[in-house]
Amino acid sequence: MKKIIIGIIAIVIIGIAITIGCLVGKKDEKETVKLEKIKLAEVTHSPFYAPLYVAIENGYFKEQGLDVELILTPGADKVATSVISGDTQIGFAGPESAIYVYEGKEEDYLVTFAGLTKRDGQFIVSRNKDFKLEDLYGKEVLVGRLGGMPALNFLNALKNAGIDQNKIKLNYSVEFAALSGSFIGNTGDFVNLFEPNAMIITHQP
């Protein structure tokens, strides 16, 4: 009888050991899975896109098997070029980037497949502390490239506020990445900026 009991106990112990071994093996296998490298071209680095940064820093992408490398690529047109050339796999910019490619009759079109934000993350920066939208009349405003999302959102904001854009000198000639520098260099009376650039230039000495 003792031999039978000892045999049963031995079988149970062996079974437990095998089970534990399988679980450890699966854990090790999961930990050694090679992550797929993804290069993501980001149109601008801003707190407005905080959800993306949180997902990267907290490892949410890695949990899905992706190793995301964020590459700053100022301007939606440059983001589109980066993806088409194969330098990056995903472009993070306004949907106008896909339209540029389509209008350019490219063979490989860009596909807009996800959205991260639902609001406008831009700010109108003035040279004066006291400011109201009517102060834009007759003044030069650096709004970004014509047809770009920053410019379109700016014009939409004016429309919603009942401001006549035809009474404002809209400057579309300054590249997105150069808006802050141009304004600091005394070009324009107002500028349309994302954070943190808006806060940075308002604290310039």
N, C-alpha and C. Protein backbone atom coordinates (compact mmCIF):
# COMPACT_ATOMS: atom_id res chain seq x y z
N MET A 1 0.83 -1.22 0.00
CA MET A 1 0.00 0.00 0.00
C MET A 1 0.86 1.26 0.00
N LYS A 2 1.97 1.17 0.79
CA LYS A 2 2.86 2.31 0.86
C LYS A 2 3.47 2.61 -0.50
N LYS A 3 3.83 1.56 -1.23
CA LYS A 3 4.43 1.74 -2.55
C LYS A 3 3.45 2.44 -3.50
N ILE A 4 2.18 2.07 -3.37
CA ILE A 4 1.15 2.69 -4.24
C ILE A 4 1.03 4.17 -3.93
N ILE A 5 0.98 4.50 -2.62
CA ILE A 5 0.85 5.90 -2.20
C ILE A 5 2.07 6.71 -2.63
N ILE A 6 3.26 6.11 -2.41
CA ILE A 6 4.50 6.79 -2.82
C ILE A 6 4.51 7.00 -4.33
N GLY A 7 4.02 6.03 -5.07
CA GLY A 7 3.97 6.13 -6.54
C GLY A 7 3.05 7.25 -6.98
N ILE A 8 1.89 7.34 -6.32
CA ILE A 8 0.92 8.40 -6.66
C ILE A 8 1.52 9.78 -6.38
N ILE A 9 2.16 9.90 -5.20
CA ILE A 9 2.79 11.18 -4.83
C ILE A 9 3.87 11.56 -5.83
N ALA A 10 4.65 10.58 -6.23
CA ALA A 10 5.72 10.84 -7.21
C ALA A 10 5.15 11.31 -8.53
N ILE A 11 4.06 10.69 -8.96
CA ILE A 11 3.42 11.08 -10.22
C ILE A 11 2.90 12.51 -10.13
N VAL A 12 2.29 12.85 -8.98
CA VAL A 12 1.75 14.21 -8.77
C VAL A 12 2.88 15.23 -8.81
N ILE A 13 3.99 14.90 -8.11
CA ILE A 13 5.13 15.82 -8.08
C ILE A 13 5.70 16.02 -9.47
N ILE A 14 5.84 14.96 -10.22
CA ILE A 14 6.35 15.05 -11.59
C ILE A 14 5.42 15.89 -12.46
N GLY A 15 4.10 15.68 -12.26
CA GLY A 15 3.12 16.45 -13.03
C GLY A 15 3.21 17.93 -12.75
N ILE A 16 3.38 18.25 -11.45
CA ILE A 16 3.51 19.67 -11.06
C ILE A 16 4.77 20.27 -11.65
N ALA A 17 5.86 19.51 -11.59
CA ALA A 17 7.13 19.99 -12.13
C ALA A 17 7.03 20.25 -13.63
N ILE A 18 6.39 19.34 -14.34
CA ILE A 18 6.22 19.51 -15.79
C ILE A 18 5.38 20.75 -16.10
N THR A 19 4.30 20.94 -15.33
CA THR A 19 3.41 22.10 -15.53
C THR A 19 4.16 23.40 -15.31
N ILE A 20 4.92 23.44 -14.19
CA ILE A 20 5.70 24.65 -13.89
C ILE A 20 6.72 24.91 -14.99
N GLY A 21 7.36 23.85 -15.46
CA GLY A 21 8.35 23.99 -16.53
C GLY A 21 7.74 24.55 -17.80
N CYS A 22 6.55 24.09 -18.12
CA CYS A 22 5.85 24.58 -19.33
C CYS A 22 5.51 26.06 -19.19
N LEU A 23 5.02 26.45 -17.99
CA LEU A 23 4.65 27.84 -17.77
C LEU A 23 5.86 28.75 -17.85
N VAL A 24 6.97 28.34 -17.24
CA VAL A 24 8.20 29.13 -17.29
C VAL A 24 8.70 29.23 -18.73
N GLY A 25 8.60 28.13 -19.46
CA GLY A 25 9.03 28.13 -20.85
C GLY A 25 8.23 29.09 -21.70
N LYS A 26 6.91 29.13 -21.46
CA LYS A 26 6.05 30.05 -22.21
C LYS A 26 6.38 31.49 -21.87
N LYS A 27 6.68 31.74 -20.57
CA LYS A 27 7.02 33.10 -20.14
C LYS A 27 8.30 33.56 -20.81
N ASP A 28 9.32 32.66 -20.81
CA ASP A 28 10.59 33.00 -21.44
C ASP A 28 10.42 33.24 -22.92
N GLU A 29 9.55 32.41 -23.53
CA GLU A 29 9.32 32.55 -24.97
C GLU A 29 8.67 33.90 -25.28
N LYS A 30 7.74 34.32 -24.40
CA LYS A 30 7.06 35.61 -24.58
C LYS A 30 8.05 36.76 -24.43
N GLU A 31 8.97 36.61 -23.43
CA GLU A 31 9.91 37.68 -23.16
C GLU A 31 10.96 37.82 -24.26
N THR A 32 11.22 36.75 -25.00
CA THR A 32 12.26 36.79 -26.02
C THR A 32 11.70 37.04 -27.42
N VAL A 33 10.40 37.32 -27.50
CA VAL A 33 9.81 37.62 -28.80
C VAL A 33 10.45 38.89 -29.36
N LYS A 34 10.89 38.85 -30.59
CA LYS A 34 11.54 40.00 -31.21
C LYS A 34 10.48 41.02 -31.61
N LEU A 35 10.70 42.27 -31.16
CA LEU A 35 9.75 43.33 -31.47
C LEU A 35 9.94 43.82 -32.91
N GLU A 36 8.83 44.17 -33.53
CA GLU A 36 8.89 44.73 -34.89
C GLU A 36 9.20 46.22 -34.79
N LYS A 37 10.26 46.65 -35.45
CA LYS A 37 10.68 48.05 -35.41
C LYS A 37 9.81 48.90 -36.34
N ILE A 38 9.23 49.96 -35.79
CA ILE A 38 8.40 50.88 -36.56
C ILE A 38 8.95 52.29 -36.41
N LYS A 39 9.25 52.95 -37.52
CA LYS A 39 9.68 54.36 -37.49
C LYS A 39 8.47 55.24 -37.79
N LEU A 40 8.21 56.17 -36.90
CA LEU A 40 7.04 57.04 -37.02
C LEU A 40 7.50 58.48 -37.18
N ALA A 41 7.14 59.11 -38.29
CA ALA A 41 7.49 60.51 -38.55
C ALA A 41 6.43 61.41 -37.90
N GLU A 42 6.86 62.25 -36.97
CA GLU A 42 5.96 63.13 -36.23
C GLU A 42 6.08 64.56 -36.75
N VAL A 43 4.96 65.17 -37.09
CA VAL A 43 4.97 66.49 -37.71
C VAL A 43 5.47 67.58 -36.76
N THR A 44 5.20 67.44 -35.47
CA THR A 44 5.68 68.38 -34.47
C THR A 44 5.65 67.71 -33.11
N HIS A 45 6.52 68.16 -32.22
CA HIS A 45 6.57 67.58 -30.88
C HIS A 45 5.83 68.54 -29.96
N SER A 46 4.68 68.11 -29.44
CA SER A 46 3.82 69.02 -28.70
C SER A 46 3.04 68.28 -27.62
N PRO A 47 2.74 68.95 -26.49
CA PRO A 47 1.89 68.35 -25.45
C PRO A 47 0.52 67.96 -26.00
N PHE A 48 0.14 68.56 -27.12
CA PHE A 48 -1.14 68.25 -27.76
C PHE A 48 -1.21 66.77 -28.13
N TYR A 49 -0.05 66.15 -28.35
CA TYR A 49 -0.01 64.74 -28.75
C TYR A 49 0.40 63.84 -27.59
N ALA A 50 0.11 64.28 -26.37
CA ALA A 50 0.50 63.55 -25.17
C ALA A 50 0.06 62.08 -25.17
N PRO A 51 -1.14 61.74 -25.68
CA PRO A 51 -1.54 60.32 -25.68
C PRO A 51 -0.54 59.40 -26.38
N LEU A 52 0.07 59.89 -27.46
CA LEU A 52 1.06 59.10 -28.18
C LEU A 52 2.30 58.87 -27.32
N TYR A 53 2.78 59.94 -26.68
CA TYR A 53 3.98 59.83 -25.85
C TYR A 53 3.76 58.91 -24.65
N VAL A 54 2.57 59.01 -24.06
CA VAL A 54 2.24 58.16 -22.91
C VAL A 54 2.24 56.69 -23.33
N ALA A 55 1.66 56.42 -24.50
CA ALA A 55 1.61 55.04 -24.99
C ALA A 55 3.01 54.47 -25.23
N ILE A 56 3.90 55.31 -25.76
CA ILE A 56 5.28 54.85 -26.02
C ILE A 56 6.03 54.63 -24.71
N GLU A 57 5.98 55.62 -23.81
CA GLU A 57 6.74 55.54 -22.56
C GLU A 57 6.24 54.44 -21.64
N ASN A 58 4.94 54.17 -21.67
CA ASN A 58 4.38 53.13 -20.80
C ASN A 58 4.47 51.73 -21.41
N GLY A 59 5.04 51.65 -22.61
CA GLY A 59 5.26 50.34 -23.20
C GLY A 59 4.04 49.69 -23.82
N TYR A 60 3.00 50.48 -24.12
CA TYR A 60 1.78 49.90 -24.68
C TYR A 60 2.03 49.32 -26.07
N PHE A 61 2.87 49.97 -26.84
CA PHE A 61 3.18 49.46 -28.17
C PHE A 61 3.99 48.16 -28.08
N LYS A 62 4.92 48.12 -27.14
CA LYS A 62 5.74 46.92 -26.98
C LYS A 62 4.90 45.73 -26.55
N GLU A 63 3.86 46.00 -25.79
CA GLU A 63 2.95 44.92 -25.39
C GLU A 63 2.28 44.31 -26.62
N GLN A 64 2.19 45.09 -27.68
CA GLN A 64 1.60 44.61 -28.94
C GLN A 64 2.66 44.15 -29.94
N GLY A 65 3.91 44.06 -29.47
CA GLY A 65 4.97 43.56 -30.32
C GLY A 65 5.63 44.61 -31.19
N LEU A 66 5.46 45.90 -30.85
CA LEU A 66 6.00 46.97 -31.67
C LEU A 66 7.02 47.82 -30.90
N ASP A 67 8.13 48.09 -31.53
CA ASP A 67 9.13 49.00 -30.99
C ASP A 67 9.09 50.27 -31.83
N VAL A 68 8.46 51.33 -31.29
CA VAL A 68 8.21 52.56 -32.04
C VAL A 68 9.33 53.57 -31.83
N GLU A 69 9.93 54.01 -32.93
CA GLU A 69 10.93 55.08 -32.89
C GLU A 69 10.30 56.35 -33.45
N LEU A 70 10.25 57.39 -32.63
CA LEU A 70 9.62 58.65 -33.01
C LEU A 70 10.65 59.57 -33.65
N ILE A 71 10.37 60.05 -34.86
CA ILE A 71 11.29 60.91 -35.58
C ILE A 71 10.60 62.24 -35.90
N LEU A 72 11.14 63.34 -35.39
CA LEU A 72 10.56 64.67 -35.65
C LEU A 72 10.77 65.05 -37.10
N THR A 73 9.67 65.33 -37.82
CA THR A 73 9.71 65.67 -39.24
C THR A 73 8.78 66.85 -39.48
N PRO A 74 9.24 68.07 -39.21
CA PRO A 74 8.37 69.26 -39.27
C PRO A 74 7.72 69.48 -40.64
N GLY A 75 6.40 69.61 -40.65
CA GLY A 75 5.66 69.86 -41.88
C GLY A 75 5.00 68.60 -42.42
N ALA A 76 3.69 68.68 -42.69
CA ALA A 76 2.96 67.52 -43.19
C ALA A 76 3.50 67.04 -44.54
N ASP A 77 3.97 67.97 -45.37
CA ASP A 77 4.52 67.59 -46.67
C ASP A 77 5.79 66.76 -46.51
N LYS A 78 6.60 67.10 -45.51
CA LYS A 78 7.84 66.36 -45.25
C LYS A 78 7.54 65.00 -44.64
N VAL A 79 6.48 64.94 -43.83
CA VAL A 79 6.06 63.66 -43.27
C VAL A 79 5.63 62.72 -44.39
N ALA A 80 4.85 63.24 -45.33
CA ALA A 80 4.40 62.44 -46.48
C ALA A 80 5.59 61.93 -47.29
N THR A 81 6.55 62.81 -47.52
CA THR A 81 7.75 62.43 -48.29
C THR A 81 8.52 61.33 -47.58
N SER A 82 8.61 61.43 -46.25
CA SER A 82 9.34 60.44 -45.46
C SER A 82 8.71 59.05 -45.58
N VAL A 83 7.39 59.00 -45.57
CA VAL A 83 6.69 57.71 -45.68
C VAL A 83 6.82 57.14 -47.09
N ILE A 84 6.63 57.98 -48.09
CA ILE A 84 6.70 57.52 -49.49
C ILE A 84 8.09 57.00 -49.82
N SER A 85 9.12 57.66 -49.29
CA SER A 85 10.50 57.26 -49.58
C SER A 85 10.89 55.98 -48.85
N GLY A 86 10.10 55.60 -47.84
CA GLY A 86 10.42 54.40 -47.08
C GLY A 86 11.30 54.66 -45.88
N ASP A 87 11.64 55.93 -45.62
CA ASP A 87 12.47 56.25 -44.45
C ASP A 87 11.72 55.96 -43.15
N THR A 88 10.40 56.13 -43.20
CA THR A 88 9.55 55.79 -42.06
C THR A 88 8.37 54.96 -42.55
N GLN A 89 7.74 54.24 -41.63
CA GLN A 89 6.61 53.39 -42.01
C GLN A 89 5.26 54.08 -41.78
N ILE A 90 5.23 55.00 -40.82
CA ILE A 90 3.98 55.68 -40.48
C ILE A 90 4.24 57.17 -40.35
N GLY A 91 3.33 57.98 -40.85
CA GLY A 91 3.43 59.43 -40.73
C GLY A 91 2.35 59.95 -39.80
N PHE A 92 2.74 60.79 -38.85
CA PHE A 92 1.79 61.39 -37.92
C PHE A 92 1.65 62.86 -38.27
N ALA A 93 0.58 63.20 -39.00
CA ALA A 93 0.36 64.57 -39.46
C ALA A 93 -1.11 64.74 -39.78
N GLY A 94 -1.46 65.93 -40.22
CA GLY A 94 -2.84 66.18 -40.61
C GLY A 94 -3.20 65.41 -41.87
N PRO A 95 -4.50 65.19 -42.12
CA PRO A 95 -4.95 64.42 -43.28
C PRO A 95 -4.62 65.07 -44.62
N GLU A 96 -4.22 66.35 -44.58
CA GLU A 96 -3.87 67.00 -45.84
C GLU A 96 -2.64 66.37 -46.48
N SER A 97 -1.82 65.70 -45.65
CA SER A 97 -0.62 65.05 -46.18
C SER A 97 -0.99 63.98 -47.22
N ALA A 98 -2.07 63.26 -46.96
CA ALA A 98 -2.53 62.24 -47.91
C ALA A 98 -3.08 62.90 -49.19
N ILE A 99 -3.68 64.07 -49.02
CA ILE A 99 -4.23 64.79 -50.18
C ILE A 99 -3.11 65.29 -51.08
N TYR A 100 -2.01 65.77 -50.47
CA TYR A 100 -0.87 66.22 -51.27
C TYR A 100 -0.39 65.11 -52.20
N VAL A 101 -0.28 63.92 -51.65
CA VAL A 101 0.21 62.78 -52.42
C VAL A 101 -0.77 62.42 -53.53
N TYR A 102 -2.05 62.42 -53.20
CA TYR A 102 -3.08 62.09 -54.20
C TYR A 102 -3.07 63.09 -55.34
N GLU A 103 -3.00 64.37 -54.98
CA GLU A 103 -3.00 65.41 -56.01
C GLU A 103 -1.71 65.37 -56.84
N GLY A 104 -0.64 64.82 -56.27
CA GLY A 104 0.62 64.72 -56.99
C GLY A 104 0.68 63.54 -57.94
N LYS A 105 -0.45 62.77 -58.02
CA LYS A 105 -0.56 61.62 -58.94
C LYS A 105 0.49 60.54 -58.65
N GLU A 106 0.83 60.40 -57.36
CA GLU A 106 1.78 59.34 -57.00
C GLU A 106 1.13 57.97 -57.16
N GLU A 107 1.94 56.97 -57.50
CA GLU A 107 1.41 55.62 -57.67
C GLU A 107 0.98 55.01 -56.33
N ASP A 108 1.78 55.26 -55.29
CA ASP A 108 1.47 54.74 -53.96
C ASP A 108 0.85 55.85 -53.12
N TYR A 109 -0.46 55.74 -52.87
CA TYR A 109 -1.14 56.76 -52.09
C TYR A 109 -0.97 56.50 -50.61
N LEU A 110 -1.01 57.56 -49.84
CA LEU A 110 -1.01 57.41 -48.39
C LEU A 110 -2.44 57.12 -47.93
N VAL A 111 -2.56 56.34 -46.88
CA VAL A 111 -3.88 55.98 -46.34
C VAL A 111 -4.00 56.50 -44.92
N THR A 112 -5.01 57.31 -44.67
CA THR A 112 -5.28 57.79 -43.32
C THR A 112 -6.07 56.71 -42.59
N PHE A 113 -5.51 56.16 -41.50
CA PHE A 113 -6.16 55.02 -40.87
C PHE A 113 -6.51 55.22 -39.40
N ALA A 114 -6.07 56.32 -38.80
CA ALA A 114 -6.38 56.52 -37.38
C ALA A 114 -6.27 57.99 -37.02
N GLY A 115 -6.96 58.37 -35.96
CA GLY A 115 -6.92 59.74 -35.47
C GLY A 115 -6.51 59.76 -34.00
N LEU A 116 -5.73 60.74 -33.61
CA LEU A 116 -5.29 60.84 -32.22
C LEU A 116 -5.94 62.01 -31.50
N THR A 117 -6.21 63.08 -32.21
CA THR A 117 -6.77 64.28 -31.58
C THR A 117 -8.09 64.66 -32.22
N LYS A 118 -8.89 65.39 -31.46
CA LYS A 118 -10.19 65.84 -31.95
C LYS A 118 -10.36 67.36 -31.81
N ARG A 119 -9.34 68.02 -31.34
CA ARG A 119 -9.42 69.47 -31.12
C ARG A 119 -8.21 70.14 -31.74
N ASP A 120 -8.28 71.45 -31.85
CA ASP A 120 -7.19 72.25 -32.40
C ASP A 120 -6.20 72.59 -31.29
N GLY A 121 -4.93 72.25 -31.50
CA GLY A 121 -3.93 72.50 -30.46
C GLY A 121 -3.12 73.76 -30.67
N GLN A 122 -3.65 74.71 -31.44
CA GLN A 122 -2.89 75.92 -31.79
C GLN A 122 -3.28 77.11 -30.92
N PHE A 123 -2.36 78.07 -30.89
CA PHE A 123 -2.58 79.31 -30.14
C PHE A 123 -2.17 80.50 -30.99
N ILE A 124 -2.92 81.58 -30.88
CA ILE A 124 -2.55 82.82 -31.56
C ILE A 124 -1.68 83.62 -30.59
N VAL A 125 -0.47 83.91 -31.00
CA VAL A 125 0.46 84.64 -30.14
C VAL A 125 0.57 86.08 -30.61
N SER A 126 0.41 87.01 -29.68
CA SER A 126 0.46 88.44 -29.96
C SER A 126 1.73 89.05 -29.40
N ARG A 127 2.10 90.19 -29.91
CA ARG A 127 3.25 90.92 -29.35
C ARG A 127 2.83 91.75 -28.15
N ASN A 128 1.53 91.88 -27.94
CA ASN A 128 1.02 92.66 -26.82
C ASN A 128 0.28 91.75 -25.84
N LYS A 129 0.30 92.11 -24.57
CA LYS A 129 -0.37 91.30 -23.56
C LYS A 129 -1.88 91.36 -23.70
N ASP A 130 -2.40 92.55 -23.93
CA ASP A 130 -3.84 92.70 -24.08
C ASP A 130 -4.21 92.44 -25.54
N PHE A 131 -5.11 91.46 -25.75
CA PHE A 131 -5.39 91.04 -27.12
C PHE A 131 -6.83 90.53 -27.24
N LYS A 132 -7.48 90.92 -28.33
CA LYS A 132 -8.78 90.36 -28.70
C LYS A 132 -8.75 90.10 -30.20
N LEU A 133 -9.60 89.21 -30.67
CA LEU A 133 -9.55 88.79 -32.07
C LEU A 133 -9.70 89.95 -33.06
N GLU A 134 -10.46 90.96 -32.67
CA GLU A 134 -10.64 92.11 -33.56
C GLU A 134 -9.33 92.85 -33.82
N ASP A 135 -8.34 92.64 -32.95
CA ASP A 135 -7.04 93.29 -33.13
C ASP A 135 -6.29 92.74 -34.34
N LEU A 136 -6.77 91.63 -34.89
CA LEU A 136 -6.13 91.04 -36.07
C LEU A 136 -6.39 91.87 -37.33
N TYR A 137 -7.45 92.65 -37.33
CA TYR A 137 -7.81 93.42 -38.52
C TYR A 137 -6.69 94.38 -38.92
N GLY A 138 -6.31 94.29 -40.19
CA GLY A 138 -5.29 95.17 -40.73
C GLY A 138 -3.87 94.76 -40.38
N LYS A 139 -3.72 93.65 -39.66
CA LYS A 139 -2.40 93.21 -39.21
C LYS A 139 -1.96 91.95 -39.96
N GLU A 140 -0.64 91.69 -39.92
CA GLU A 140 -0.09 90.51 -40.58
C GLU A 140 -0.02 89.33 -39.61
N VAL A 141 -0.56 88.20 -40.04
CA VAL A 141 -0.58 87.00 -39.20
C VAL A 141 0.16 85.87 -39.92
N LEU A 142 1.15 85.28 -39.25
CA LEU A 142 1.85 84.12 -39.79
C LEU A 142 1.02 82.89 -39.45
N VAL A 143 0.42 82.26 -40.47
CA VAL A 143 -0.53 81.17 -40.21
C VAL A 143 -0.04 79.80 -40.66
N GLY A 144 1.13 79.74 -41.31
CA GLY A 144 1.60 78.45 -41.83
C GLY A 144 1.28 78.32 -43.31
N ARG A 145 1.62 77.15 -43.85
CA ARG A 145 1.48 76.91 -45.29
C ARG A 145 0.01 76.91 -45.72
N LEU A 146 -0.27 77.48 -46.89
CA LEU A 146 -1.62 77.50 -47.44
C LEU A 146 -2.11 76.07 -47.67
N GLY A 147 -3.27 75.74 -47.14
CA GLY A 147 -3.82 74.41 -47.28
C GLY A 147 -3.40 73.44 -46.20
N GLY A 148 -2.45 73.86 -45.35
CA GLY A 148 -2.01 73.02 -44.24
C GLY A 148 -3.02 73.04 -43.11
N MET A 149 -2.99 72.02 -42.28
CA MET A 149 -3.96 71.92 -41.19
C MET A 149 -3.90 73.10 -40.22
N PRO A 150 -2.71 73.61 -39.83
CA PRO A 150 -2.68 74.77 -38.94
C PRO A 150 -3.42 75.98 -39.54
N ALA A 151 -3.17 76.23 -40.83
CA ALA A 151 -3.82 77.37 -41.49
C ALA A 151 -5.33 77.15 -41.59
N LEU A 152 -5.74 75.94 -41.95
CA LEU A 152 -7.17 75.64 -42.10
C LEU A 152 -7.90 75.76 -40.77
N ASN A 153 -7.28 75.27 -39.71
CA ASN A 153 -7.90 75.39 -38.38
C ASN A 153 -7.99 76.84 -37.93
N PHE A 154 -6.97 77.62 -38.26
CA PHE A 154 -6.96 79.04 -37.92
C PHE A 154 -8.11 79.76 -38.63
N LEU A 155 -8.26 79.51 -39.92
CA LEU A 155 -9.33 80.14 -40.68
C LEU A 155 -10.70 79.71 -40.18
N ASN A 156 -10.82 78.46 -39.81
CA ASN A 156 -12.09 77.96 -39.27
C ASN A 156 -12.43 78.63 -37.95
N ALA A 157 -11.40 78.86 -37.12
CA ALA A 157 -11.61 79.54 -35.84
C ALA A 157 -12.09 80.97 -36.06
N LEU A 158 -11.50 81.64 -37.05
CA LEU A 158 -11.93 83.01 -37.37
C LEU A 158 -13.39 83.02 -37.80
N LYS A 159 -13.73 82.07 -38.65
CA LYS A 159 -15.11 81.99 -39.15
C LYS A 159 -16.10 81.77 -38.01
N ASN A 160 -15.76 80.85 -37.11
CA ASN A 160 -16.64 80.55 -35.98
C ASN A 160 -16.79 81.74 -35.02
N ALA A 161 -15.76 82.60 -35.00
CA ALA A 161 -15.80 83.77 -34.11
C ALA A 161 -16.38 84.99 -34.81
N GLY A 162 -16.77 84.83 -36.07
CA GLY A 162 -17.35 85.96 -36.81
C GLY A 162 -16.33 86.99 -37.26
N ILE A 163 -15.07 86.57 -37.41
CA ILE A 163 -14.01 87.47 -37.85
C ILE A 163 -13.83 87.35 -39.36
N ASP A 164 -13.80 88.49 -40.05
CA ASP A 164 -13.65 88.52 -41.51
C ASP A 164 -12.18 88.36 -41.88
N GLN A 165 -11.83 87.21 -42.44
CA GLN A 165 -10.43 86.95 -42.79
C GLN A 165 -9.92 87.87 -43.89
N ASN A 166 -10.81 88.40 -44.68
CA ASN A 166 -10.41 89.29 -45.78
C ASN A 166 -9.85 90.62 -45.28
N LYS A 167 -10.06 90.91 -44.01
CA LYS A 167 -9.55 92.15 -43.43
C LYS A 167 -8.23 91.92 -42.70
N ILE A 168 -7.67 90.72 -42.87
CA ILE A 168 -6.42 90.37 -42.19
C ILE A 168 -5.36 90.03 -43.24
N LYS A 169 -4.13 90.43 -43.00
CA LYS A 169 -3.03 90.09 -43.90
C LYS A 169 -2.49 88.71 -43.52
N LEU A 170 -2.96 87.69 -44.23
CA LEU A 170 -2.58 86.32 -43.93
C LEU A 170 -1.30 85.95 -44.67
N ASN A 171 -0.27 85.62 -43.92
CA ASN A 171 1.04 85.28 -44.50
C ASN A 171 1.21 83.76 -44.50
N TYR A 172 1.17 83.18 -45.73
CA TYR A 172 1.31 81.73 -45.87
C TYR A 172 2.73 81.33 -46.31
N SER A 173 3.63 82.27 -46.38
CA SER A 173 4.94 82.01 -46.98
C SER A 173 5.96 81.38 -46.03
N VAL A 174 5.67 81.38 -44.72
CA VAL A 174 6.64 80.86 -43.75
C VAL A 174 6.36 79.39 -43.46
N GLU A 175 7.42 78.56 -43.57
CA GLU A 175 7.30 77.13 -43.29
C GLU A 175 6.89 76.90 -41.84
N PHE A 176 6.19 75.80 -41.62
CA PHE A 176 5.70 75.45 -40.29
C PHE A 176 6.81 75.48 -39.24
N ALA A 177 7.94 74.89 -39.56
CA ALA A 177 9.05 74.80 -38.59
C ALA A 177 9.72 76.15 -38.34
N ALA A 178 9.49 77.12 -39.22
CA ALA A 178 10.16 78.42 -39.11
C ALA A 178 9.26 79.51 -38.54
N LEU A 179 8.03 79.17 -38.16
CA LEU A 179 7.09 80.19 -37.68
C LEU A 179 7.61 80.92 -36.45
N SER A 180 8.08 80.17 -35.46
CA SER A 180 8.57 80.79 -34.21
C SER A 180 9.74 81.72 -34.48
N GLY A 181 10.73 81.23 -35.23
CA GLY A 181 11.93 82.02 -35.52
C GLY A 181 11.61 83.28 -36.30
N SER A 182 10.69 83.17 -37.25
CA SER A 182 10.33 84.33 -38.06
C SER A 182 9.64 85.39 -37.21
N PHE A 183 8.76 84.94 -36.31
CA PHE A 183 8.05 85.87 -35.46
C PHE A 183 9.01 86.56 -34.49
N ILE A 184 9.93 85.78 -33.92
CA ILE A 184 10.94 86.35 -33.03
C ILE A 184 11.82 87.35 -33.78
N GLY A 185 12.03 87.07 -35.09
CA GLY A 185 12.83 87.95 -35.93
C GLY A 185 12.06 89.16 -36.42
N ASN A 186 10.89 89.40 -35.84
CA ASN A 186 10.08 90.59 -36.11
C ASN A 186 9.29 90.54 -37.41
N THR A 187 9.00 89.32 -37.90
CA THR A 187 8.13 89.18 -39.07
C THR A 187 6.71 88.92 -38.57
N GLY A 188 5.77 89.72 -39.04
CA GLY A 188 4.37 89.55 -38.66
C GLY A 188 4.03 90.20 -37.33
N ASP A 189 2.73 90.46 -37.16
CA ASP A 189 2.24 91.05 -35.91
C ASP A 189 1.71 89.97 -34.97
N PHE A 190 1.25 88.86 -35.55
CA PHE A 190 0.74 87.72 -34.79
C PHE A 190 1.24 86.44 -35.45
N VAL A 191 1.24 85.34 -34.67
CA VAL A 191 1.65 84.06 -35.24
C VAL A 191 0.78 82.95 -34.67
N ASN A 192 0.56 81.94 -35.48
CA ASN A 192 -0.27 80.79 -35.13
C ASN A 192 0.65 79.62 -34.76
N LEU A 193 0.68 79.23 -33.46
CA LEU A 193 1.66 78.25 -33.00
C LEU A 193 1.07 77.13 -32.15
N PHE A 194 1.75 75.98 -32.18
CA PHE A 194 1.46 74.89 -31.26
C PHE A 194 2.29 75.10 -29.99
N GLU A 195 1.86 74.47 -28.91
CA GLU A 195 2.71 74.39 -27.72
C GLU A 195 3.75 73.29 -27.95
N PRO A 196 4.94 73.37 -27.39
CA PRO A 196 5.35 74.38 -26.40
C PRO A 196 5.92 75.65 -27.02
N ASN A 197 5.93 75.76 -28.35
CA ASN A 197 6.52 76.93 -29.01
C ASN A 197 5.85 78.23 -28.61
N ALA A 198 4.52 78.18 -28.45
CA ALA A 198 3.81 79.41 -28.07
C ALA A 198 4.28 79.91 -26.72
N MET A 199 4.42 79.02 -25.76
CA MET A 199 4.86 79.40 -24.41
C MET A 199 6.32 79.84 -24.41
N ILE A 200 7.13 79.17 -25.22
CA ILE A 200 8.56 79.49 -25.26
C ILE A 200 8.81 80.92 -25.74
N ILE A 201 8.16 81.30 -26.84
CA ILE A 201 8.44 82.63 -27.38
C ILE A 201 7.80 83.74 -26.56
N THR A 202 6.74 83.43 -25.81
CA THR A 202 6.15 84.46 -24.96
C THR A 202 7.02 84.75 -23.74
N HIS A 203 7.98 83.87 -23.48
CA HIS A 203 8.90 84.08 -22.36
C HIS A 203 10.30 84.51 -22.85
N GLN A 204 10.37 84.91 -24.11
CA GLN A 204 11.63 85.42 -24.63
C GLN A 204 11.94 86.77 -23.98
N PRO A 205 13.20 87.03 -23.62
CA PRO A 205 13.54 88.32 -22.97
C PRO A 205 13.36 89.47 -23.94
